[in-house]
């Protein structure tokens, strides 16, 4: 093979490795401060099978069935009553729809997407939700002294 063919083959290999790395990259966890704020805003910090949004949302983080389904987390929707399972669902959802905001640690976009769906961060209807979340985040950080 000549040099040009080797170069093209090498370039193709590098691109394939980059694509594979992005596909199989480890998920990024939603920051604990945001999870805690969502928990406080959604249910006042309560645990268990809490129904909200006229029976359409379940559990400590108020997960809707479609949100759960979109998250790709294995299990049954009823498991959203469990706090730890709900956190896994939020992480799955955010890694699917908000990876760039996870990487940037953009709590506002993440909170608004949690509240308003994949494009929730662009909707005016999620601004009040973000205001509530941001107060909880601020209070959590103040409690920690950070």
N, C-alpha and C. Protein backbone atom coordinates (compact mmCIF):
# COMPACT_ATOMS: atom_id res chain seq x y z
N UNK A 1 0.85 -1.19 0.00
CA UNK A 1 0.00 0.00 0.00
C UNK A 1 0.88 1.24 0.00
N UNK A 2 0.37 2.25 -0.66
CA UNK A 2 1.15 3.49 -0.66
C UNK A 2 0.81 4.33 0.57
N UNK A 3 1.53 5.41 0.77
CA UNK A 3 1.40 6.25 1.95
C UNK A 3 0.00 6.83 2.10
N UNK A 4 -0.61 7.24 1.01
CA UNK A 4 -1.96 7.83 1.07
C UNK A 4 -2.98 6.82 1.58
N UNK A 5 -2.88 5.60 1.12
CA UNK A 5 -3.82 4.56 1.57
C UNK A 5 -3.62 4.27 3.06
N UNK A 6 -2.38 4.21 3.53
CA UNK A 6 -2.11 3.99 4.95
C UNK A 6 -2.66 5.13 5.80
N UNK A 7 -2.48 6.34 5.29
CA UNK A 7 -3.00 7.52 5.99
C UNK A 7 -4.52 7.45 6.12
N UNK A 8 -5.19 7.13 5.04
CA UNK A 8 -6.66 7.03 5.05
C UNK A 8 -7.12 5.92 5.98
N UNK A 9 -6.41 4.79 5.94
CA UNK A 9 -6.76 3.68 6.82
C UNK A 9 -6.57 4.06 8.29
N UNK A 10 -5.48 4.74 8.58
CA UNK A 10 -5.22 5.21 9.94
C UNK A 10 -6.26 6.21 10.41
N UNK A 11 -6.62 7.13 9.53
CA UNK A 11 -7.64 8.12 9.86
C UNK A 11 -8.99 7.45 10.13
N UNK A 12 -9.33 6.47 9.31
CA UNK A 12 -10.58 5.72 9.51
C UNK A 12 -10.56 5.00 10.86
N UNK A 13 -9.45 4.42 11.21
CA UNK A 13 -9.33 3.72 12.49
C UNK A 13 -9.50 4.68 13.66
N UNK A 14 -8.87 5.83 13.58
CA UNK A 14 -8.99 6.84 14.64
C UNK A 14 -10.45 7.28 14.78
N UNK A 15 -11.13 7.54 13.68
CA UNK A 15 -12.54 7.95 13.73
C UNK A 15 -13.41 6.86 14.35
N UNK A 16 -13.13 5.61 13.99
CA UNK A 16 -13.90 4.51 14.57
C UNK A 16 -13.69 4.42 16.08
N UNK A 17 -12.47 4.64 16.54
CA UNK A 17 -12.19 4.61 17.97
C UNK A 17 -12.89 5.75 18.70
N UNK A 18 -12.92 6.92 18.11
CA UNK A 18 -13.61 8.06 18.71
C UNK A 18 -15.10 7.78 18.83
N UNK A 19 -15.68 7.24 17.78
CA UNK A 19 -17.12 6.92 17.80
C UNK A 19 -17.40 5.85 18.85
N UNK A 20 -16.58 4.81 18.90
CA UNK A 20 -16.78 3.74 19.89
C UNK A 20 -16.65 4.28 21.31
N UNK A 21 -15.69 5.15 21.53
CA UNK A 21 -15.50 5.73 22.87
C UNK A 21 -16.71 6.54 23.29
N UNK A 22 -17.30 7.28 22.37
CA UNK A 22 -18.46 8.09 22.72
C UNK A 22 -19.69 7.23 22.96
N UNK A 23 -19.81 6.13 22.26
CA UNK A 23 -20.96 5.24 22.43
C UNK A 23 -20.88 4.50 23.76
N UNK A 24 -19.67 4.06 24.12
CA UNK A 24 -19.52 3.24 25.30
C UNK A 24 -18.99 4.00 26.51
N UNK A 25 -19.03 5.31 26.45
CA UNK A 25 -18.54 6.12 27.57
C UNK A 25 -19.41 5.89 28.80
N UNK A 26 -18.79 5.96 29.95
CA UNK A 26 -19.52 5.79 31.21
C UNK A 26 -20.50 6.94 31.39
N UNK A 27 -21.68 6.66 31.92
CA UNK A 27 -22.64 7.74 32.15
C UNK A 27 -22.12 8.74 33.18
N UNK A 28 -22.59 9.95 33.07
CA UNK A 28 -22.23 11.02 34.00
C UNK A 28 -23.36 11.17 35.00
N UNK A 29 -23.03 11.23 36.27
CA UNK A 29 -24.05 11.35 37.31
C UNK A 29 -24.55 12.79 37.42
N UNK A 30 -25.85 12.93 37.61
CA UNK A 30 -26.44 14.23 37.90
C UNK A 30 -25.90 14.66 39.27
N UNK A 31 -25.46 15.91 39.40
CA UNK A 31 -24.91 16.35 40.69
C UNK A 31 -25.89 16.14 41.85
N UNK A 32 -25.35 15.68 42.98
CA UNK A 32 -26.17 15.42 44.16
C UNK A 32 -26.95 16.66 44.60
N UNK A 33 -26.33 17.83 44.48
CA UNK A 33 -27.03 19.05 44.90
C UNK A 33 -28.31 19.25 44.09
N UNK A 34 -28.27 18.89 42.82
CA UNK A 34 -29.48 19.03 41.99
C UNK A 34 -30.51 17.96 42.36
N UNK A 35 -30.06 16.74 42.55
CA UNK A 35 -31.00 15.67 42.94
C UNK A 35 -31.69 16.05 44.25
N UNK A 36 -30.93 16.53 45.22
CA UNK A 36 -31.51 16.93 46.51
C UNK A 36 -32.50 18.08 46.34
N UNK A 37 -32.18 19.03 45.47
CA UNK A 37 -33.09 20.16 45.25
C UNK A 37 -34.38 19.69 44.57
N UNK A 38 -34.26 18.81 43.59
CA UNK A 38 -35.45 18.27 42.92
C UNK A 38 -36.32 17.55 43.95
N UNK A 39 -35.69 16.75 44.79
CA UNK A 39 -36.41 16.01 45.83
C UNK A 39 -37.18 16.97 46.75
N UNK A 40 -36.50 18.03 47.16
CA UNK A 40 -37.15 18.99 48.06
C UNK A 40 -38.29 19.74 47.38
N UNK A 41 -38.06 20.19 46.15
CA UNK A 41 -39.09 20.95 45.43
C UNK A 41 -40.27 20.07 45.06
N UNK A 42 -39.99 18.87 44.60
CA UNK A 42 -41.07 17.98 44.12
C UNK A 42 -41.94 17.43 45.25
N UNK A 43 -41.33 17.02 46.36
CA UNK A 43 -42.12 16.34 47.40
C UNK A 43 -41.82 16.83 48.81
N UNK A 44 -41.10 17.93 48.93
CA UNK A 44 -40.74 18.40 50.26
C UNK A 44 -39.78 17.47 50.98
N UNK A 45 -39.07 16.63 50.21
CA UNK A 45 -38.11 15.71 50.80
C UNK A 45 -38.72 14.41 51.30
N UNK A 46 -39.96 14.14 50.92
CA UNK A 46 -40.62 12.91 51.37
C UNK A 46 -40.15 11.71 50.55
N UNK A 47 -40.35 10.53 51.12
CA UNK A 47 -39.98 9.27 50.47
C UNK A 47 -41.22 8.41 50.29
N UNK A 48 -41.13 7.47 49.35
CA UNK A 48 -42.21 6.50 49.17
C UNK A 48 -43.01 6.74 47.91
N UNK A 49 -44.15 6.04 47.83
CA UNK A 49 -44.97 6.07 46.61
C UNK A 49 -45.89 7.30 46.54
N UNK A 50 -45.28 8.45 46.52
CA UNK A 50 -46.03 9.72 46.50
C UNK A 50 -46.55 9.96 45.09
N UNK A 51 -47.85 10.20 45.01
CA UNK A 51 -48.45 10.53 43.71
C UNK A 51 -48.57 12.04 43.61
N UNK A 52 -48.27 12.56 42.44
CA UNK A 52 -48.38 13.99 42.20
C UNK A 52 -48.86 14.26 40.79
N UNK A 53 -48.98 15.52 40.47
CA UNK A 53 -49.43 15.94 39.14
C UNK A 53 -50.70 15.20 38.73
N UNK A 54 -51.67 15.22 39.64
CA UNK A 54 -52.97 14.57 39.42
C UNK A 54 -52.83 13.07 39.12
N UNK A 55 -51.90 12.43 39.84
CA UNK A 55 -51.70 10.99 39.70
C UNK A 55 -50.78 10.59 38.55
N UNK A 56 -50.22 11.55 37.84
CA UNK A 56 -49.38 11.25 36.68
C UNK A 56 -47.90 11.08 37.04
N UNK A 57 -47.49 11.47 38.24
CA UNK A 57 -46.10 11.40 38.65
C UNK A 57 -45.99 10.57 39.92
N UNK A 58 -44.87 9.87 40.06
CA UNK A 58 -44.70 8.93 41.16
C UNK A 58 -43.35 9.10 41.84
N UNK A 59 -43.38 9.00 43.16
CA UNK A 59 -42.16 8.89 43.95
C UNK A 59 -41.54 10.19 44.40
N UNK A 60 -40.41 10.08 45.10
CA UNK A 60 -39.76 11.23 45.70
C UNK A 60 -39.32 12.29 44.69
N UNK A 61 -39.03 11.87 43.45
CA UNK A 61 -38.59 12.81 42.42
C UNK A 61 -39.67 13.08 41.37
N UNK A 62 -40.87 12.57 41.63
CA UNK A 62 -42.05 12.80 40.78
C UNK A 62 -41.78 12.46 39.31
N UNK A 63 -41.55 11.19 39.06
CA UNK A 63 -41.24 10.68 37.73
C UNK A 63 -42.53 10.33 37.00
N UNK A 64 -42.68 10.85 35.80
CA UNK A 64 -43.80 10.48 34.93
C UNK A 64 -43.46 9.20 34.17
N UNK A 65 -44.48 8.45 33.80
CA UNK A 65 -44.27 7.17 33.12
C UNK A 65 -43.43 7.34 31.83
N UNK A 66 -43.73 8.35 31.03
CA UNK A 66 -42.98 8.55 29.78
C UNK A 66 -41.51 8.88 30.06
N UNK A 67 -41.26 9.69 31.08
CA UNK A 67 -39.90 10.03 31.50
C UNK A 67 -39.16 8.75 31.88
N UNK A 68 -39.80 7.92 32.70
CA UNK A 68 -39.22 6.65 33.11
C UNK A 68 -38.88 5.79 31.88
N UNK A 69 -39.85 5.66 30.98
CA UNK A 69 -39.65 4.86 29.77
C UNK A 69 -38.47 5.40 28.95
N UNK A 70 -38.41 6.72 28.79
CA UNK A 70 -37.34 7.35 28.02
C UNK A 70 -35.97 7.17 28.67
N UNK A 71 -35.94 7.00 29.99
CA UNK A 71 -34.66 6.89 30.70
C UNK A 71 -33.87 5.65 30.30
N UNK A 72 -34.58 4.61 29.88
CA UNK A 72 -33.93 3.36 29.51
C UNK A 72 -33.50 2.51 30.69
N UNK A 73 -33.92 2.87 31.89
CA UNK A 73 -33.55 2.10 33.08
C UNK A 73 -34.46 0.87 33.18
N UNK A 74 -33.84 -0.28 33.35
CA UNK A 74 -34.60 -1.52 33.46
C UNK A 74 -35.44 -1.54 34.73
N UNK A 75 -36.55 -2.22 34.68
CA UNK A 75 -37.41 -2.35 35.85
C UNK A 75 -38.84 -2.02 35.50
N UNK A 76 -39.61 -1.73 36.54
CA UNK A 76 -41.02 -1.40 36.40
C UNK A 76 -41.25 0.04 36.84
N UNK A 77 -42.20 0.70 36.25
CA UNK A 77 -42.50 2.09 36.59
C UNK A 77 -42.77 2.26 38.08
N UNK A 78 -43.43 1.28 38.69
CA UNK A 78 -43.78 1.36 40.11
C UNK A 78 -42.55 1.49 41.01
N UNK A 79 -41.39 1.09 40.52
CA UNK A 79 -40.15 1.20 41.28
C UNK A 79 -39.73 2.66 41.47
N UNK A 80 -40.36 3.56 40.74
CA UNK A 80 -40.06 4.99 40.90
C UNK A 80 -40.47 5.50 42.28
N UNK A 81 -41.20 4.69 43.03
CA UNK A 81 -41.53 5.03 44.42
C UNK A 81 -40.29 4.99 45.30
N UNK A 82 -39.26 4.26 44.85
CA UNK A 82 -38.02 4.13 45.59
C UNK A 82 -37.06 5.26 45.21
N UNK A 83 -36.49 5.92 46.19
CA UNK A 83 -35.61 7.07 45.95
C UNK A 83 -34.41 6.70 45.07
N UNK A 84 -33.69 5.65 45.45
CA UNK A 84 -32.48 5.28 44.71
C UNK A 84 -32.80 4.90 43.26
N UNK A 85 -33.90 4.19 43.06
CA UNK A 85 -34.30 3.84 41.70
C UNK A 85 -34.64 5.11 40.91
N UNK A 86 -35.34 6.05 41.55
CA UNK A 86 -35.69 7.31 40.88
C UNK A 86 -34.44 8.09 40.48
N UNK A 87 -33.43 8.06 41.32
CA UNK A 87 -32.17 8.74 40.98
C UNK A 87 -31.55 8.09 39.74
N UNK A 88 -31.60 6.77 39.66
CA UNK A 88 -31.08 6.09 38.46
C UNK A 88 -31.86 6.49 37.23
N UNK A 89 -33.18 6.64 37.38
CA UNK A 89 -34.02 7.06 36.25
C UNK A 89 -33.65 8.47 35.79
N UNK A 90 -33.48 9.38 36.73
CA UNK A 90 -33.08 10.75 36.37
C UNK A 90 -31.72 10.73 35.68
N UNK A 91 -30.79 9.95 36.19
CA UNK A 91 -29.48 9.85 35.55
C UNK A 91 -29.58 9.29 34.13
N UNK A 92 -30.39 8.26 33.95
CA UNK A 92 -30.58 7.70 32.61
C UNK A 92 -31.18 8.71 31.65
N UNK A 93 -32.19 9.41 32.11
CA UNK A 93 -32.87 10.41 31.28
C UNK A 93 -31.90 11.53 30.89
N UNK A 94 -31.16 12.02 31.87
CA UNK A 94 -30.24 13.13 31.59
C UNK A 94 -29.08 12.72 30.70
N UNK A 95 -28.61 11.49 30.84
CA UNK A 95 -27.54 11.02 29.97
C UNK A 95 -28.04 10.83 28.54
N UNK A 96 -29.32 10.62 28.39
CA UNK A 96 -29.90 10.48 27.05
C UNK A 96 -30.18 11.84 26.42
N UNK A 97 -30.76 12.75 27.18
CA UNK A 97 -31.23 14.02 26.61
C UNK A 97 -30.40 15.25 26.97
N UNK A 98 -29.53 15.15 27.96
CA UNK A 98 -28.87 16.37 28.44
C UNK A 98 -27.39 16.17 28.72
N UNK A 99 -26.75 15.32 27.95
CA UNK A 99 -25.36 15.00 28.20
C UNK A 99 -24.45 16.22 28.16
N UNK A 100 -24.69 17.11 27.22
CA UNK A 100 -23.83 18.30 27.13
C UNK A 100 -23.99 19.18 28.37
N UNK A 101 -25.18 19.21 28.97
CA UNK A 101 -25.41 20.01 30.17
C UNK A 101 -24.81 19.33 31.40
N UNK A 102 -24.81 18.00 31.41
CA UNK A 102 -24.12 17.26 32.48
C UNK A 102 -22.63 17.56 32.44
N UNK A 103 -22.07 17.54 31.25
CA UNK A 103 -20.63 17.80 31.09
C UNK A 103 -20.27 19.22 31.54
N UNK A 104 -21.18 20.16 31.32
CA UNK A 104 -20.93 21.56 31.69
C UNK A 104 -21.32 21.85 33.14
N UNK A 105 -21.96 20.87 33.78
CA UNK A 105 -22.48 21.07 35.14
C UNK A 105 -23.49 22.23 35.15
N UNK A 106 -24.33 22.28 34.12
CA UNK A 106 -25.33 23.33 33.92
C UNK A 106 -26.62 22.94 34.66
N UNK A 107 -26.68 23.29 35.93
CA UNK A 107 -27.81 22.87 36.76
C UNK A 107 -29.13 23.44 36.27
N UNK A 108 -29.11 24.66 35.77
CA UNK A 108 -30.36 25.26 35.29
C UNK A 108 -30.94 24.45 34.14
N UNK A 109 -30.14 24.15 33.13
CA UNK A 109 -30.66 23.38 31.99
C UNK A 109 -31.12 22.00 32.43
N UNK A 110 -30.36 21.36 33.31
CA UNK A 110 -30.75 20.02 33.78
C UNK A 110 -32.08 20.05 34.53
N UNK A 111 -32.25 21.02 35.41
CA UNK A 111 -33.50 21.12 36.17
C UNK A 111 -34.68 21.40 35.24
N UNK A 112 -34.48 22.28 34.30
CA UNK A 112 -35.57 22.64 33.39
C UNK A 112 -35.92 21.49 32.45
N UNK A 113 -34.93 20.68 32.07
CA UNK A 113 -35.20 19.49 31.26
C UNK A 113 -35.94 18.46 32.11
N UNK A 114 -35.56 18.31 33.36
CA UNK A 114 -36.29 17.39 34.25
C UNK A 114 -37.76 17.79 34.32
N UNK A 115 -38.02 19.06 34.40
CA UNK A 115 -39.38 19.58 34.55
C UNK A 115 -40.16 19.64 33.24
N UNK A 116 -39.48 19.95 32.14
CA UNK A 116 -40.19 20.22 30.90
C UNK A 116 -39.88 19.34 29.72
N UNK A 117 -39.15 18.25 29.95
CA UNK A 117 -38.82 17.34 28.86
C UNK A 117 -37.53 17.71 28.15
N UNK A 118 -37.19 16.97 27.11
CA UNK A 118 -35.91 17.14 26.43
C UNK A 118 -35.56 18.56 26.00
N UNK A 119 -36.55 19.36 25.67
CA UNK A 119 -36.28 20.76 25.30
C UNK A 119 -36.78 21.73 26.37
N UNK A 120 -36.98 21.23 27.58
CA UNK A 120 -37.50 22.04 28.67
C UNK A 120 -36.65 23.24 29.02
N UNK A 121 -35.36 23.16 28.75
CA UNK A 121 -34.47 24.28 29.07
C UNK A 121 -34.70 25.48 28.16
N UNK A 122 -35.49 25.32 27.12
CA UNK A 122 -35.79 26.44 26.21
C UNK A 122 -37.21 26.97 26.42
N UNK A 123 -37.95 26.36 27.32
CA UNK A 123 -39.35 26.75 27.52
C UNK A 123 -39.51 27.72 28.68
N UNK A 124 -40.24 28.79 28.45
CA UNK A 124 -40.51 29.76 29.51
C UNK A 124 -41.26 29.12 30.68
N UNK A 125 -42.04 28.09 30.38
CA UNK A 125 -42.85 27.45 31.42
C UNK A 125 -42.01 26.77 32.51
N UNK A 126 -40.72 26.58 32.27
CA UNK A 126 -39.88 25.92 33.27
C UNK A 126 -39.05 26.91 34.09
N UNK A 127 -39.19 28.19 33.82
CA UNK A 127 -38.40 29.19 34.54
C UNK A 127 -38.74 29.26 36.02
N UNK A 128 -40.02 29.18 36.37
CA UNK A 128 -40.41 29.21 37.79
C UNK A 128 -39.87 27.99 38.53
N UNK A 129 -39.90 26.86 37.85
CA UNK A 129 -39.35 25.64 38.45
C UNK A 129 -37.87 25.85 38.75
N UNK A 130 -37.13 26.39 37.80
CA UNK A 130 -35.71 26.65 38.01
C UNK A 130 -35.49 27.61 39.18
N UNK A 131 -36.35 28.61 39.31
CA UNK A 131 -36.20 29.55 40.43
C UNK A 131 -36.30 28.81 41.77
N UNK A 132 -37.26 27.90 41.86
CA UNK A 132 -37.40 27.11 43.10
C UNK A 132 -36.19 26.22 43.33
N UNK A 133 -35.75 25.56 42.27
CA UNK A 133 -34.59 24.67 42.37
C UNK A 133 -33.35 25.46 42.77
N UNK A 134 -33.14 26.61 42.13
CA UNK A 134 -31.92 27.39 42.40
C UNK A 134 -31.86 27.85 43.85
N UNK A 135 -33.01 28.16 44.45
CA UNK A 135 -33.02 28.52 45.87
C UNK A 135 -32.60 27.34 46.73
N UNK A 136 -33.08 26.15 46.40
CA UNK A 136 -32.70 24.95 47.15
C UNK A 136 -31.21 24.66 46.98
N UNK A 137 -30.70 24.80 45.77
CA UNK A 137 -29.28 24.56 45.52
C UNK A 137 -28.45 25.55 46.34
N UNK A 138 -28.86 26.81 46.31
CA UNK A 138 -28.14 27.85 47.07
C UNK A 138 -28.14 27.52 48.56
N UNK A 139 -29.31 27.12 49.08
CA UNK A 139 -29.41 26.78 50.50
C UNK A 139 -28.54 25.57 50.85
N UNK A 140 -28.52 24.57 49.97
CA UNK A 140 -27.70 23.37 50.20
C UNK A 140 -26.23 23.75 50.25
N UNK A 141 -25.81 24.58 49.31
CA UNK A 141 -24.41 25.02 49.27
C UNK A 141 -24.06 25.86 50.49
N UNK A 142 -25.01 26.69 50.93
CA UNK A 142 -24.76 27.52 52.13
C UNK A 142 -24.62 26.64 53.36
N UNK A 143 -25.45 25.58 53.44
CA UNK A 143 -25.36 24.66 54.57
C UNK A 143 -24.02 23.94 54.62
N UNK A 144 -23.46 23.68 53.43
CA UNK A 144 -22.16 22.98 53.34
C UNK A 144 -20.99 23.95 53.48
N UNK A 145 -21.29 25.24 53.38
CA UNK A 145 -20.21 26.23 53.46
C UNK A 145 -19.43 26.35 52.17
N UNK A 146 -20.07 25.97 51.04
CA UNK A 146 -19.35 26.07 49.75
C UNK A 146 -19.91 27.15 48.88
